[in-house]
Amino acid sequence: MGERLLSNDDGLKTFYNYDESNDTTIIRYEQDVEGILNANKHDQNHADRKMGDGLVHVARVPTAIQLEWYVNLGVRMWDKNHRGKVNRLLDSPEYKYLKRLPIMLGNY
């Protein structure tokens, strides 16, 4: 049996496959994040350095990356108790283009 698409919600595709030889079910996720990353890079290059008081939209993190963080690192982006872990990831060179502003978040 070949891989089949289960869903395509908000650009996150979920695929199902079953490996009979190992009696294993495989769920795979895929998302094209290029548009989000390009928008973030644009925003970083055109950011107003005067943010003022109040809330600031700091990052756009694709669903696939949120899922990767949760599965591989145990980091729940939506959990306020994980804010320091999320900030550390966003400040890392690997994930710098998830931020909309060229700032360091700190508070790890």
PDB file of N, CA and C in Angstrom:
ATOM      1  N   MET A   1       0.854  -1.180   0.000  1.00  0.00           N
ATOM      2  CA  MET A   1       0.000   0.000   0.000  1.00  0.00           C
ATOM      3  C   MET A   1       0.895   1.237   0.000  1.00  0.00           C
ATOM      4  N   GLY A   2       0.575   2.183  -0.840  1.00  0.00           N
ATOM      5  CA  GLY A   2       1.380   3.392  -0.939  1.00  0.00           C
ATOM      6  C   GLY A   2       0.900   4.488   0.002  1.00  0.00           C
ATOM      7  N   GLU A   3       1.714   5.501   0.082  1.00  0.00           N
ATOM      8  CA  GLU A   3       1.385   6.643   0.931  1.00  0.00           C
ATOM      9  C   GLU A   3       0.153   7.355   0.384  1.00  0.00           C
ATOM     10  N   ARG A   4      -0.701   7.817   1.308  1.00  0.00           N
ATOM     11  CA  ARG A   4      -1.870   8.573   0.849  1.00  0.00           C
ATOM     12  C   ARG A   4      -2.056   9.818   1.705  1.00  0.00           C
ATOM     13  N   LEU A   5      -2.599  10.832   1.080  1.00  0.00           N
ATOM     14  CA  LEU A   5      -2.859  12.110   1.736  1.00  0.00           C
ATOM     15  C   LEU A   5      -4.100  11.983   2.605  1.00  0.00           C
ATOM     16  N   LEU A   6      -3.952  12.298   3.890  1.00  0.00           N
ATOM     17  CA  LEU A   6      -5.091  12.262   4.812  1.00  0.00           C
ATOM     18  C   LEU A   6      -5.783  13.607   4.889  1.00  0.00           C
ATOM     19  N   SER A   7      -4.969  14.685   4.953  1.00  0.00           N
ATOM     20  CA  SER A   7      -5.570  16.016   5.058  1.00  0.00           C
ATOM     21  C   SER A   7      -4.598  17.069   4.553  1.00  0.00           C
ATOM     22  N   ASN A   8      -5.170  18.224   4.247  1.00  0.00           N
ATOM     23  CA  ASN A   8      -4.388  19.384   3.819  1.00  0.00           C
ATOM     24  C   ASN A   8      -5.013  20.593   4.500  1.00  0.00           C
ATOM     25  N   ASP A   9      -4.709  20.746   5.783  1.00  0.00           N
ATOM     26  CA  ASP A   9      -5.303  21.810   6.583  1.00  0.00           C
ATOM     27  C   ASP A   9      -4.342  22.979   6.704  1.00  0.00           C
ATOM     28  N   ASP A  10      -4.757  24.140   6.220  1.00  0.00           N
ATOM     29  CA  ASP A  10      -3.977  25.371   6.347  1.00  0.00           C
ATOM     30  C   ASP A  10      -2.564  25.197   5.794  1.00  0.00           C
ATOM     31  N   GLY A  11      -2.434  24.411   4.713  1.00  0.00           N
ATOM     32  CA  GLY A  11      -1.142  24.217   4.076  1.00  0.00           C
ATOM     33  C   GLY A  11      -0.304  23.093   4.662  1.00  0.00           C
ATOM     34  N   LEU A  12      -0.731  22.518   5.795  1.00  0.00           N
ATOM     35  CA  LEU A  12      -0.013  21.393   6.397  1.00  0.00           C
ATOM     36  C   LEU A  12      -0.641  20.099   5.872  1.00  0.00           C
ATOM     37  N   LYS A  13       0.127  19.363   5.104  1.00  0.00           N
ATOM     38  CA  LYS A  13      -0.349  18.101   4.551  1.00  0.00           C
ATOM     39  C   LYS A  13       0.023  16.965   5.494  1.00  0.00           C
ATOM     40  N   THR A  14      -0.921  16.070   5.705  1.00  0.00           N
ATOM     41  CA  THR A  14      -0.700  14.889   6.544  1.00  0.00           C
ATOM     42  C   THR A  14      -0.830  13.656   5.662  1.00  0.00           C
ATOM     43  N   PHE A  15       0.228  12.836   5.667  1.00  0.00           N
ATOM     44  CA  PHE A  15       0.259  11.625   4.855  1.00  0.00           C
ATOM     45  C   PHE A  15       0.261  10.385   5.744  1.00  0.00           C
ATOM     46  N   TYR A  16      -0.352   9.322   5.229  1.00  0.00           N
ATOM     47  CA  TYR A  16      -0.418   8.040   5.935  1.00  0.00           C
ATOM     48  C   TYR A  16       0.231   6.965   5.072  1.00  0.00           C
ATOM     49  N   ASN A  17       0.979   6.088   5.740  1.00  0.00           N
ATOM     50  CA  ASN A  17       1.526   4.919   5.065  1.00  0.00           C
ATOM     51  C   ASN A  17       1.596   3.775   6.070  1.00  0.00           C
ATOM     52  N   TYR A  18       1.497   2.574   5.578  1.00  0.00           N
ATOM     53  CA  TYR A  18       1.610   1.393   6.432  1.00  0.00           C
ATOM     54  C   TYR A  18       2.685   0.483   5.857  1.00  0.00           C
ATOM     55  N   ASP A  19       3.660   0.137   6.685  1.00  0.00           N
ATOM     56  CA  ASP A  19       4.744  -0.760   6.292  1.00  0.00           C
ATOM     57  C   ASP A  19       4.418  -2.158   6.829  1.00  0.00           C
ATOM     58  N   GLU A  20       3.951  -3.028   5.937  1.00  0.00           N
ATOM     59  CA  GLU A  20       3.548  -4.382   6.339  1.00  0.00           C
ATOM     60  C   GLU A  20       4.723  -5.193   6.874  1.00  0.00           C
ATOM     61  N   SER A  21       5.902  -5.003   6.317  1.00  0.00           N
ATOM     62  CA  SER A  21       7.058  -5.803   6.725  1.00  0.00           C
ATOM     63  C   SER A  21       7.437  -5.558   8.182  1.00  0.00           C
ATOM     64  N   ASN A  22       7.174  -4.349   8.670  1.00  0.00           N
ATOM     65  CA  ASN A  22       7.475  -4.012  10.069  1.00  0.00           C
ATOM     66  C   ASN A  22       6.220  -3.855  10.922  1.00  0.00           C
ATOM     67  N   ASP A  23       5.046  -4.021  10.298  1.00  0.00           N
ATOM     68  CA  ASP A  23       3.775  -3.791  10.986  1.00  0.00           C
ATOM     69  C   ASP A  23       3.783  -2.408  11.659  1.00  0.00           C
ATOM     70  N   THR A  24       4.131  -1.390  10.854  1.00  0.00           N
ATOM     71  CA  THR A  24       4.296  -0.031  11.368  1.00  0.00           C
ATOM     72  C   THR A  24       3.452   0.950  10.575  1.00  0.00           C
ATOM     73  N   THR A  25       2.728   1.781  11.293  1.00  0.00           N
ATOM     74  CA  THR A  25       2.003   2.885  10.678  1.00  0.00           C
ATOM     75  C   THR A  25       2.899   4.116  10.697  1.00  0.00           C
ATOM     76  N   ILE A  26       2.952   4.811   9.573  1.00  0.00           N
ATOM     77  CA  ILE A  26       3.802   5.997   9.449  1.00  0.00           C
ATOM     78  C   ILE A  26       2.922   7.189   9.093  1.00  0.00           C
ATOM     79  N   ILE A  27       2.996   8.227   9.921  1.00  0.00           N
ATOM     80  CA  ILE A  27       2.315   9.490   9.644  1.00  0.00           C
ATOM     81  C   ILE A  27       3.404  10.519   9.349  1.00  0.00           C
ATOM     82  N   ARG A  28       3.295  11.180   8.212  1.00  0.00           N
ATOM     83  CA  ARG A  28       4.292  12.166   7.794  1.00  0.00           C
ATOM     84  C   ARG A  28       3.599  13.493   7.515  1.00  0.00           C
ATOM     85  N   TYR A  29       4.276  14.577   7.900  1.00  0.00           N
ATOM     86  CA  TYR A  29       3.733  15.920   7.691  1.00  0.00           C
ATOM     87  C   TYR A  29       4.634  16.681   6.731  1.00  0.00           C
ATOM     88  N   GLU A  30       3.999  17.574   5.965  1.00  0.00           N
ATOM     89  CA  GLU A  30       4.751  18.361   4.989  1.00  0.00           C
ATOM     90  C   GLU A  30       4.074  19.721   4.847  1.00  0.00           C
ATOM     91  N   GLN A  31       4.880  20.774   4.745  1.00  0.00           N
ATOM     92  CA  GLN A  31       4.336  22.108   4.540  1.00  0.00           C
ATOM     93  C   GLN A  31       5.330  22.935   3.748  1.00  0.00           C
ATOM     94  N   ASP A  32       4.851  23.664   2.749  1.00  0.00           N
ATOM     95  CA  ASP A  32       5.692  24.597   2.013  1.00  0.00           C
ATOM     96  C   ASP A  32       5.760  25.882   2.824  1.00  0.00           C
ATOM     97  N   VAL A  33       6.922  26.177   3.380  1.00  0.00           N
ATOM     98  CA  VAL A  33       7.076  27.331   4.274  1.00  0.00           C
ATOM     99  C   VAL A  33       7.765  28.503   3.588  1.00  0.00           C
ATOM    100  N   GLU A  34       8.079  28.385   2.312  1.00  0.00           N
ATOM    101  CA  GLU A  34       8.827  29.418   1.603  1.00  0.00           C
ATOM    102  C   GLU A  34       8.139  30.785   1.653  1.00  0.00           C
ATOM    103  N   GLY A  35       6.842  30.823   1.461  1.00  0.00           N
ATOM    104  CA  GLY A  35       6.113  32.096   1.486  1.00  0.00           C
ATOM    105  C   GLY A  35       6.199  32.779   2.840  1.00  0.00           C
ATOM    106  N   ILE A  36       6.071  32.010   3.910  1.00  0.00           N
ATOM    107  CA  ILE A  36       6.154  32.562   5.265  1.00  0.00           C
ATOM    108  C   ILE A  36       7.556  33.087   5.527  1.00  0.00           C
ATOM    109  N   LEU A  37       8.578  32.299   5.167  1.00  0.00           N
ATOM    110  CA  LEU A  37       9.955  32.724   5.402  1.00  0.00           C
ATOM    111  C   LEU A  37      10.302  33.968   4.590  1.00  0.00           C
ATOM    112  N   ASN A  38       9.841  34.029   3.342  1.00  0.00           N
ATOM    113  CA  ASN A  38      10.100  35.217   2.523  1.00  0.00           C
ATOM    114  C   ASN A  38       9.423  36.455   3.101  1.00  0.00           C
ATOM    115  N   ALA A  39       8.211  36.297   3.596  1.00  0.00           N
ATOM    116  CA  ALA A  39       7.510  37.433   4.222  1.00  0.00           C
ATOM    117  C   ALA A  39       8.260  37.893   5.473  1.00  0.00           C
ATOM    118  N   ASN A  40       8.753  36.949   6.275  1.00  0.00           N
ATOM    119  CA  ASN A  40       9.510  37.302   7.470  1.00  0.00           C
ATOM    120  C   ASN A  40      10.800  38.029   7.117  1.00  0.00           C
ATOM    121  N   LYS A  41      11.521  37.545   6.098  1.00  0.00           N
ATOM    122  CA  LYS A  41      12.756  38.208   5.662  1.00  0.00           C
ATOM    123  C   LYS A  41      12.459  39.633   5.201  1.00  0.00           C
ATOM    124  N   HIS A  42      11.396  39.795   4.450  1.00  0.00           N
ATOM    125  CA  HIS A  42      10.999  41.130   3.995  1.00  0.00           C
ATOM    126  C   HIS A  42      10.734  42.045   5.187  1.00  0.00           C
ATOM    127  N   ASP A  43       9.966  41.540   6.148  1.00  0.00           N
ATOM    128  CA  ASP A  43       9.641  42.339   7.332  1.00  0.00           C
ATOM    129  C   ASP A  43      10.892  42.704   8.123  1.00  0.00           C
ATOM    130  N   GLN A  44      11.849  41.762   8.233  1.00  0.00           N
ATOM    131  CA  GLN A  44      13.092  42.053   8.949  1.00  0.00           C
ATOM    132  C   GLN A  44      13.859  43.186   8.267  1.00  0.00           C
ATOM    133  N   ASN A  45      13.860  43.172   6.943  1.00  0.00           N
ATOM    134  CA  ASN A  45      14.603  44.190   6.199  1.00  0.00           C
ATOM    135  C   ASN A  45      13.917  45.544   6.193  1.00  0.00           C
ATOM    136  N   HIS A  46      12.633  45.592   6.502  1.00  0.00           N
ATOM    137  CA  HIS A  46      11.871  46.843   6.468  1.00  0.00           C
ATOM    138  C   HIS A  46      11.249  47.170   7.821  1.00  0.00           C
ATOM    139  N   ALA A  47      11.808  46.600   8.875  1.00  0.00           N
ATOM    140  CA  ALA A  47      11.244  46.774  10.225  1.00  0.00           C
ATOM    141  C   ALA A  47      11.483  48.180  10.741  1.00  0.00           C
ATOM    142  N   ASP A  48      10.484  48.717  11.400  1.00  0.00           N
ATOM    143  CA  ASP A  48      10.602  49.986  12.110  1.00  0.00           C
ATOM    144  C   ASP A  48      11.213  49.672  13.468  1.00  0.00           C
ATOM    145  N   ARG A  49      12.389  50.181  13.707  1.00  0.00           N
ATOM    146  CA  ARG A  49      13.116  49.869  14.947  1.00  0.00           C
ATOM    147  C   ARG A  49      12.452  50.486  16.179  1.00  0.00           C
ATOM    148  N   LYS A  50      11.533  51.405  16.000  1.00  0.00           N
ATOM    149  CA  LYS A  50      10.823  52.016  17.122  1.00  0.00           C
ATOM    150  C   LYS A  50       9.537  51.241  17.335  1.00  0.00           C
ATOM    151  N   MET A  51       9.569  50.290  18.261  1.00  0.00           N
ATOM    152  CA  MET A  51       8.409  49.431  18.467  1.00  0.00           C
ATOM    153  C   MET A  51       7.407  50.030  19.440  1.00  0.00           C
ATOM    154  N   GLY A  52       7.824  50.941  20.282  1.00  0.00           N
ATOM    155  CA  GLY A  52       6.908  51.566  21.224  1.00  0.00           C
ATOM    156  C   GLY A  52       6.448  50.600  22.302  1.00  0.00           C
ATOM    157  N   ASP A  53       5.384  50.977  22.969  1.00  0.00           N
ATOM    158  CA  ASP A  53       4.823  50.156  24.039  1.00  0.00           C
ATOM    159  C   ASP A  53       3.742  49.235  23.479  1.00  0.00           C
ATOM    160  N   GLY A  54       3.471  48.180  24.208  1.00  0.00           N
ATOM    161  CA  GLY A  54       2.382  47.293  23.818  1.00  0.00           C
ATOM    162  C   GLY A  54       2.873  46.045  23.129  1.00  0.00           C
ATOM    163  N   LEU A  55       1.952  45.342  22.509  1.00  0.00           N
ATOM    164  CA  LEU A  55       2.250  44.073  21.862  1.00  0.00           C
ATOM    165  C   LEU A  55       2.868  44.288  20.488  1.00  0.00           C
ATOM    166  N   VAL A  56       3.765  43.398  20.134  1.00  0.00           N
ATOM    167  CA  VAL A  56       4.424  43.442  18.837  1.00  0.00           C
ATOM    168  C   VAL A  56       4.369  42.046  18.235  1.00  0.00           C
ATOM    169  N   HIS A  57       4.006  41.961  16.960  1.00  0.00           N
ATOM    170  CA  HIS A  57       3.967  40.679  16.249  1.00  0.00           C
ATOM    171  C   HIS A  57       5.404  40.317  15.887  1.00  0.00           C
ATOM    172  N   VAL A  58       6.026  39.452  16.673  1.00  0.00           N
ATOM    173  CA  VAL A  58       7.456  39.179  16.570  1.00  0.00           C
ATOM    174  C   VAL A  58       7.789  38.081  15.565  1.00  0.00           C
ATOM    175  N   ALA A  59       6.955  37.059  15.444  1.00  0.00           N
ATOM    176  CA  ALA A  59       7.323  35.911  14.617  1.00  0.00           C
ATOM    177  C   ALA A  59       6.117  35.283  13.944  1.00  0.00           C
ATOM    178  N   ARG A  60       6.406  34.641  12.806  1.00  0.00           N
ATOM    179  CA  ARG A  60       5.444  33.759  12.140  1.00  0.00           C
ATOM    180  C   ARG A  60       6.117  32.394  12.098  1.00  0.00           C
ATOM    181  N   VAL A  61       5.551  31.436  12.810  1.00  0.00           N
ATOM    182  CA  VAL A  61       6.146  30.098  12.876  1.00  0.00           C
ATOM    183  C   VAL A  61       5.193  29.129  12.190  1.00  0.00           C
ATOM    184  N   PRO A  62       5.610  28.570  11.055  1.00  0.00           N
ATOM    185  CA  PRO A  62       4.743  27.635  10.341  1.00  0.00           C
ATOM    186  C   PRO A  62       4.344  26.446  11.223  1.00  0.00           C
ATOM    187  N   THR A  63       3.186  25.919  10.957  1.00  0.00           N
ATOM    188  CA  THR A  63       2.661  24.788  11.719  1.00  0.00           C
ATOM    189  C   THR A  63       3.636  23.611  11.707  1.00  0.00           C
ATOM    190  N   ALA A  64       4.282  23.370  10.571  1.00  0.00           N
ATOM    191  CA  ALA A  64       5.228  22.253  10.476  1.00  0.00           C
ATOM    192  C   ALA A  64       6.394  22.426  11.452  1.00  0.00           C
ATOM    193  N   ILE A  65       6.849  23.662  11.652  1.00  0.00           N
ATOM    194  CA  ILE A  65       7.946  23.926  12.587  1.00  0.00           C
ATOM    195  C   ILE A  65       7.453  23.757  14.018  1.00  0.00           C
ATOM    196  N   GLN A  66       6.247  24.221  14.304  1.00  0.00           N
ATOM    197  CA  GLN A  66       5.675  24.034  15.647  1.00  0.00           C
ATOM    198  C   GLN A  66       5.579  22.550  15.972  1.00  0.00           C
ATOM    199  N   LEU A  67       5.155  21.759  14.997  1.00  0.00           N
ATOM    200  CA  LEU A  67       5.048  20.311  15.174  1.00  0.00           C
ATOM    201  C   LEU A  67       6.432  19.692  15.385  1.00  0.00           C
ATOM    202  N   GLU A  68       7.417  20.133  14.610  1.00  0.00           N
ATOM    203  CA  GLU A  68       8.796  19.643  14.765  1.00  0.00           C
ATOM    204  C   GLU A  68       9.312  19.926  16.177  1.00  0.00           C
ATOM    205  N   TRP A  69       9.101  21.145  16.661  1.00  0.00           N
ATOM    206  CA  TRP A  69       9.546  21.510  18.005  1.00  0.00           C
ATOM    207  C   TRP A  69       8.874  20.637  19.064  1.00  0.00           C
ATOM    208  N   TYR A  70       7.589  20.393  18.894  1.00  0.00           N
ATOM    209  CA  TYR A  70       6.849  19.592  19.868  1.00  0.00           C
ATOM    210  C   TYR A  70       7.317  18.135  19.872  1.00  0.00           C
ATOM    211  N   VAL A  71       7.403  17.539  18.686  1.00  0.00           N
ATOM    212  CA  VAL A  71       7.760  16.121  18.582  1.00  0.00           C
ATOM    213  C   VAL A  71       9.222  15.880  18.947  1.00  0.00           C
ATOM    214  N   ASN A  72      10.137  16.696  18.432  1.00  0.00           N
ATOM    215  CA  ASN A  72      11.571  16.446  18.608  1.00  0.00           C
ATOM    216  C   ASN A  72      12.153  17.058  19.875  1.00  0.00           C
ATOM    217  N   LEU A  73      11.574  18.169  20.346  1.00  0.00           N
ATOM    218  CA  LEU A  73      12.165  18.886  21.474  1.00  0.00           C
ATOM    219  C   LEU A  73      11.244  18.991  22.683  1.00  0.00           C
ATOM    220  N   GLY A  74       9.988  18.609  22.511  1.00  0.00           N
ATOM    221  CA  GLY A  74       9.033  18.723  23.612  1.00  0.00           C
ATOM    222  C   GLY A  74       8.620  20.153  23.902  1.00  0.00           C
ATOM    223  N   VAL A  75       8.859  21.064  22.950  1.00  0.00           N
ATOM    224  CA  VAL A  75       8.543  22.483  23.146  1.00  0.00           C
ATOM    225  C   VAL A  75       7.165  22.767  22.553  1.00  0.00           C
ATOM    226  N   ARG A  76       6.291  23.296  23.404  1.00  0.00           N
ATOM    227  CA  ARG A  76       4.939  23.667  22.978  1.00  0.00           C
ATOM    228  C   ARG A  76       4.881  25.183  22.832  1.00  0.00           C
ATOM    229  N   MET A  77       4.870  25.650  21.605  1.00  0.00           N
ATOM    230  CA  MET A  77       4.916  27.080  21.334  1.00  0.00           C
ATOM    231  C   MET A  77       3.757  27.824  21.986  1.00  0.00           C
ATOM    232  N   TRP A  78       2.625  27.190  22.078  1.00  0.00           N
ATOM    233  CA  TRP A  78       1.409  27.816  22.594  1.00  0.00           C
ATOM    234  C   TRP A  78       1.339  27.803  24.121  1.00  0.00           C
ATOM    235  N   ASP A  79       2.294  27.161  24.783  1.00  0.00           N
ATOM    236  CA  ASP A  79       2.294  27.042  26.239  1.00  0.00           C
ATOM    237  C   ASP A  79       3.125  28.168  26.851  1.00  0.00           C
ATOM    238  N   LYS A  80       2.503  29.030  27.644  1.00  0.00           N
ATOM    239  CA  LYS A  80       3.223  30.171  28.228  1.00  0.00           C
ATOM    240  C   LYS A  80       4.389  29.720  29.102  1.00  0.00           C
ATOM    241  N   ASN A  81       4.332  28.505  29.628  1.00  0.00           N
ATOM    242  CA  ASN A  81       5.428  27.973  30.433  1.00  0.00           C
ATOM    243  C   ASN A  81       6.651  27.602  29.585  1.00  0.00           C
ATOM    244  N   HIS A  82       6.503  27.574  28.277  1.00  0.00           N
ATOM    245  CA  HIS A  82       7.595  27.250  27.359  1.00  0.00           C
ATOM    246  C   HIS A  82       8.132  28.504  26.659  1.00  0.00           C
ATOM    247  N   ARG A  83       7.722  29.671  27.102  1.00  0.00           N
ATOM    248  CA  ARG A  83       8.113  30.923  26.434  1.00  0.00           C
ATOM    249  C   ARG A  83       9.634  31.054  26.314  1.00  0.00           C
ATOM    250  N   GLY A  84      10.375  30.739  27.374  1.00  0.00           N
ATOM    251  CA  GLY A  84      11.831  30.827  27.331  1.00  0.00           C
ATOM    252  C   GLY A  84      12.436  29.897  26.294  1.00  0.00           C
ATOM    253  N   LYS A  85      11.905  28.679  26.213  1.00  0.00           N
ATOM    254  CA  LYS A  85      12.396  27.713  25.229  1.00  0.00           C
ATOM    255  C   LYS A  85      12.102  28.189  23.809  1.00  0.00           C
ATOM    256  N   VAL A  86      10.912  28.745  23.615  1.00  0.00           N
ATOM    257  CA  VAL A  86      10.537  29.266  22.303  1.00  0.00           C
ATOM    258  C   VAL A  86      11.442  30.442  21.937  1.00  0.00           C
ATOM    259  N   ASN A  87      11.671  31.337  22.883  1.00  0.00           N
ATOM    260  CA  ASN A  87      12.543  32.493  22.615  1.00  0.00           C
ATOM    261  C   ASN A  87      13.949  32.039  22.241  1.00  0.00           C
ATOM    262  N   ARG A  88      14.464  31.028  22.950  1.00  0.00           N
ATOM    263  CA  ARG A  88      15.812  30.516  22.643  1.00  0.00           C
ATOM    264  C   ARG A  88      15.853  29.968  21.215  1.00  0.00           C
ATOM    265  N   LEU A  89      14.834  29.220  20.827  1.00  0.00           N
ATOM    266  CA  LEU A  89      14.791  28.691  19.464  1.00  0.00           C
ATOM    267  C   LEU A  89      14.705  29.816  18.440  1.00  0.00           C
ATOM    268  N   LEU A  90      13.851  30.799  18.702  1.00  0.00           N
ATOM    269  CA  LEU A  90      13.705  31.913  17.760  1.00  0.00           C
ATOM    270  C   LEU A  90      14.981  32.747  17.661  1.00  0.00           C
ATOM    271  N   ASP A  91      15.747  32.831  18.743  1.00  0.00           N
ATOM    272  CA  ASP A  91      16.999  33.588  18.731  1.00  0.00           C
ATOM    273  C   ASP A  91      18.157  32.813  18.104  1.00  0.00           C
ATOM    274  N   SER A  92      17.980  31.505  17.884  1.00  0.00           N
ATOM    275  CA  SER A  92      19.059  30.698  17.322  1.00  0.00           C
ATOM    276  C   SER A  92      19.217  30.993  15.827  1.00  0.00           C
ATOM    277  N   PRO A  93      20.452  30.891  15.314  1.00  0.00           N
ATOM    278  CA  PRO A  93      20.685  31.123  13.880  1.00  0.00           C
ATOM    279  C   PRO A  93      19.843  30.212  12.981  1.00  0.00           C
ATOM    280  N   GLU A  94      19.580  28.998  13.435  1.00  0.00           N
ATOM    281  CA  GLU A  94      18.821  28.041  12.635  1.00  0.00           C
ATOM    282  C   GLU A  94      17.401  28.533  12.315  1.00  0.00           C
ATOM    283  N   TYR A  95      16.820  29.280  13.243  1.00  0.00           N
ATOM    284  CA  TYR A  95      15.423  29.701  13.088  1.00  0.00           C
ATOM    285  C   TYR A  95      15.264  31.215  12.969  1.00  0.00           C
ATOM    286  N   LYS A  96      16.309  31.929  12.599  1.00  0.00           N
ATOM    287  CA  LYS A  96      16.252  33.392  12.584  1.00  0.00           C
ATOM    288  C   LYS A  96      15.191  33.942  11.627  1.00  0.00           C
ATOM    289  N   TYR A  97      14.863  33.233  10.574  1.00  0.00           N
ATOM    290  CA  TYR A  97      13.877  33.752   9.626  1.00  0.00           C
ATOM    291  C   TYR A  97      12.437  33.428  10.011  1.00  0.00           C
ATOM    292  N   LEU A  98      12.246  32.919  11.217  1.00  0.00           N
ATOM    293  CA  LEU A  98      10.882  32.796  11.725  1.00  0.00           C
ATOM    294  C   LEU A  98      10.446  34.111  12.367  1.00  0.00           C
ATOM    295  N   LYS A  99      11.433  34.953  12.710  1.00  0.00           N
ATOM    296  CA  LYS A  99      11.120  36.243  13.335  1.00  0.00           C
ATOM    297  C   LYS A  99      10.838  37.292  12.263  1.00  0.00           C
ATOM    298  N   ARG A 100       9.923  38.182  12.564  1.00  0.00           N
ATOM    299  CA  ARG A 100       9.587  39.292  11.680  1.00  0.00           C
ATOM    300  C   ARG A 100      10.442  40.512  11.969  1.00  0.00           C
ATOM    301  N   LEU A 101      11.051  40.542  13.140  1.00  0.00           N
ATOM    302  CA  LEU A 101      11.857  41.682  13.558  1.00  0.00           C
ATOM    303  C   LEU A 101      13.282  41.222  13.841  1.00  0.00           C
ATOM    304  N   PRO A 102      14.279  42.022  13.468  1.00  0.00           N
ATOM    305  CA  PRO A 102      15.681  41.644  13.714  1.00  0.00           C
ATOM    306  C   PRO A 102      16.100  41.982  15.133  1.00  0.00           C
ATOM    307  N   ILE A 103      15.501  41.281  16.106  1.00  0.00           N
ATOM    308  CA  ILE A 103      15.778  41.537  17.512  1.00  0.00           C
ATOM    309  C   ILE A 103      16.098  40.230  18.218  1.00  0.00           C
ATOM    310  N   MET A 104      16.735  40.341  19.377  1.00  0.00           N
ATOM    311  CA  MET A 104      16.958  39.185  20.242  1.00  0.00           C
ATOM    312  C   MET A 104      15.849  39.217  21.302  1.00  0.00           C
ATOM    313  N   LEU A 105      15.247  38.062  21.551  1.00  0.00           N
ATOM    314  CA  LEU A 105      14.144  37.992  22.499  1.00  0.00           C
ATOM    315  C   LEU A 105      14.611  37.773  23.924  1.00  0.00           C
ATOM    316  N   GLY A 106      15.650  36.933  24.117  1.00  0.00           N
ATOM    317  CA  GLY A 106      16.196  36.690  25.439  1.00  0.00           C
ATOM    318  C   GLY A 106      15.184  36.048  26.377  1.00  0.00           C
ATOM    319  N   ASN A 107      15.360  36.278  27.690  1.00  0.00           N
ATOM    320  CA  ASN A 107      14.495  35.708  28.756  1.00  0.00           C
ATOM    321  C   ASN A 107      14.405  34.194  28.688  1.00  0.00           C
ATOM    322  N   TYR A 108      15.535  33.546  28.598  1.00  0.00           N
ATOM    323  CA  TYR A 108      15.552  32.083  28.551  1.00  0.00           C
ATOM    324  C   TYR A 108      15.432  31.568  29.951  1.00  0.00           C
TER     325      TYR A 108
END
